[in-house]
Amino acid sequence: MNWIILIIAGLFETSFAFCLGKAKQATGIEVYWWYGGFLIALIISMVLLIKATQTLPIGTAYAVWTGIGAVGTALLGILVFKEPADFWRLFFIITLIISVAGLKFVSH
């Protein structure tokens, strides 16, 4: 169950990074809505990370959490914010996914 909580925490990490990107593009009062979403996603992500680390090793949990956030944010950058999707960028995203999955499989 704590692995599921950790995955959800990582998705919320991606969400708060997404909100930052959208706030950068927004104007007027809309900026504050995106920053509000950032704070809510940040709090949820941290609370879930704390919950997951009560039973999972901190080193593994933190690496998986940041890995999910990094991969999710990089993919959102490509898909939503029109960042480049060249070979090396995709190669290292895949490498990061393999590394995060490997940490999950070797942890007890």
Protein backbone atom coordinates (compact mmCIF):
# COMPACT_ATOMS: atom_id res chain seq x y z
CA MET A 1 0.00 0.00 0.00
CA ASN A 2 2.83 2.43 0.79
CA TRP A 3 4.23 1.98 -2.72
CA ILE A 4 0.89 3.16 -4.11
CA ILE A 5 0.95 6.13 -1.72
CA LEU A 6 4.48 6.91 -2.88
CA ILE A 7 3.48 6.78 -6.55
CA ILE A 8 0.56 9.13 -5.87
CA ALA A 9 2.94 11.45 -3.99
CA GLY A 10 5.21 11.48 -7.06
CA LEU A 11 2.28 12.33 -9.30
CA PHE A 12 1.45 15.27 -7.05
CA GLU A 13 5.08 16.36 -7.34
CA THR A 14 4.57 16.41 -11.10
CA SER A 15 1.37 18.38 -10.51
CA PHE A 16 3.06 21.11 -8.54
CA ALA A 17 5.75 21.47 -11.20
CA PHE A 18 3.00 21.66 -13.85
CA CYS A 19 1.29 24.42 -11.87
CA LEU A 20 4.54 26.39 -11.80
CA GLY A 21 4.82 26.10 -15.57
CA LYS A 22 1.24 27.23 -16.07
CA ALA A 23 1.68 30.13 -13.63
CA LYS A 24 4.65 31.28 -15.71
CA GLN A 25 2.38 31.45 -18.77
CA ALA A 26 -0.63 32.97 -17.00
CA THR A 27 -1.56 36.60 -16.57
CA GLY A 28 -3.71 38.53 -14.13
CA ILE A 29 -5.59 36.72 -11.38
CA GLU A 30 -5.09 33.38 -13.11
CA VAL A 31 -1.49 33.38 -11.85
CA TYR A 32 -2.72 33.17 -8.27
CA TRP A 33 -4.96 30.20 -9.06
CA TRP A 34 -1.97 28.31 -10.47
CA TYR A 35 0.14 29.22 -7.44
CA GLY A 36 -2.71 28.03 -5.20
CA GLY A 37 -2.74 24.74 -7.10
CA PHE A 38 1.02 24.57 -6.62
CA LEU A 39 0.70 24.93 -2.84
CA ILE A 40 -2.10 22.37 -2.58
CA ALA A 41 -0.22 19.82 -4.72
CA LEU A 42 2.98 20.49 -2.75
CA ILE A 43 1.29 19.88 0.59
CA ILE A 44 -0.45 16.71 -0.61
CA SER A 45 2.79 15.40 -2.12
CA MET A 46 4.76 16.02 1.08
CA VAL A 47 2.12 14.50 3.36
CA LEU A 48 1.95 11.37 1.20
CA LEU A 49 5.76 11.17 1.06
CA ILE A 50 5.89 11.37 4.87
CA LYS A 51 3.27 8.62 5.10
CA ALA A 52 5.13 6.37 2.66
CA THR A 53 8.47 6.78 4.44
CA GLN A 54 7.02 5.46 7.67
CA THR A 55 7.56 1.94 6.33
CA LEU A 56 9.71 2.32 3.19
CA PRO A 57 13.45 3.07 3.33
CA ILE A 58 13.95 6.84 3.07
CA GLY A 59 16.67 6.61 0.44
CA THR A 60 14.59 4.45 -1.86
CA ALA A 61 11.34 6.35 -1.24
CA TYR A 62 12.93 9.73 -1.89
CA ALA A 63 14.67 8.51 -5.06
CA VAL A 64 11.44 7.00 -6.40
CA TRP A 65 9.45 10.13 -5.48
CA THR A 66 11.89 12.47 -7.21
CA GLY A 67 12.21 10.08 -10.15
CA ILE A 68 8.45 10.06 -10.72
CA GLY A 69 8.42 13.82 -10.44
CA ALA A 70 11.36 14.26 -12.82
CA VAL A 71 9.98 11.87 -15.45
CA GLY A 72 6.46 13.26 -15.16
CA THR A 73 7.66 16.85 -15.37
CA ALA A 74 9.92 16.12 -18.34
CA LEU A 75 7.07 14.39 -20.17
CA LEU A 76 4.68 17.25 -19.39
CA GLY A 77 7.30 19.66 -20.65
CA ILE A 78 7.39 17.80 -23.95
CA LEU A 79 3.65 17.22 -24.28
CA VAL A 80 2.19 20.41 -22.82
CA PHE A 81 4.90 23.07 -22.88
CA LYS A 82 6.31 22.07 -26.30
CA GLU A 83 9.85 21.44 -25.05
CA PRO A 84 12.13 19.51 -27.43
CA ALA A 85 11.85 15.71 -27.58
CA ASP A 86 15.18 14.80 -29.10
CA PHE A 87 16.82 11.38 -28.91
CA TRP A 88 19.07 12.08 -25.91
CA ARG A 89 16.31 13.65 -23.84
CA LEU A 90 14.05 10.64 -24.40
CA PHE A 91 16.97 8.26 -23.84
CA PHE A 92 17.69 9.72 -20.40
CA ILE A 93 14.00 9.80 -19.45
CA ILE A 94 13.83 6.07 -20.23
CA THR A 95 17.06 5.50 -18.29
CA LEU A 96 15.55 7.30 -15.31
CA ILE A 97 12.39 5.16 -15.48
CA ILE A 98 14.49 1.98 -15.54
CA SER A 99 16.55 3.23 -12.59
CA VAL A 100 13.49 4.09 -10.49
CA ALA A 101 11.91 0.71 -11.26
CA GLY A 102 15.19 -1.00 -10.37
CA LEU A 103 15.28 0.73 -6.98
CA LYS A 104 11.76 -0.48 -6.28
CA PHE A 105 12.64 -4.06 -7.18
CA VAL A 106 15.81 -4.23 -5.08
CA SER A 107 14.34 -2.62 -1.94
CA HIS A 108 12.82 -4.76 0.77
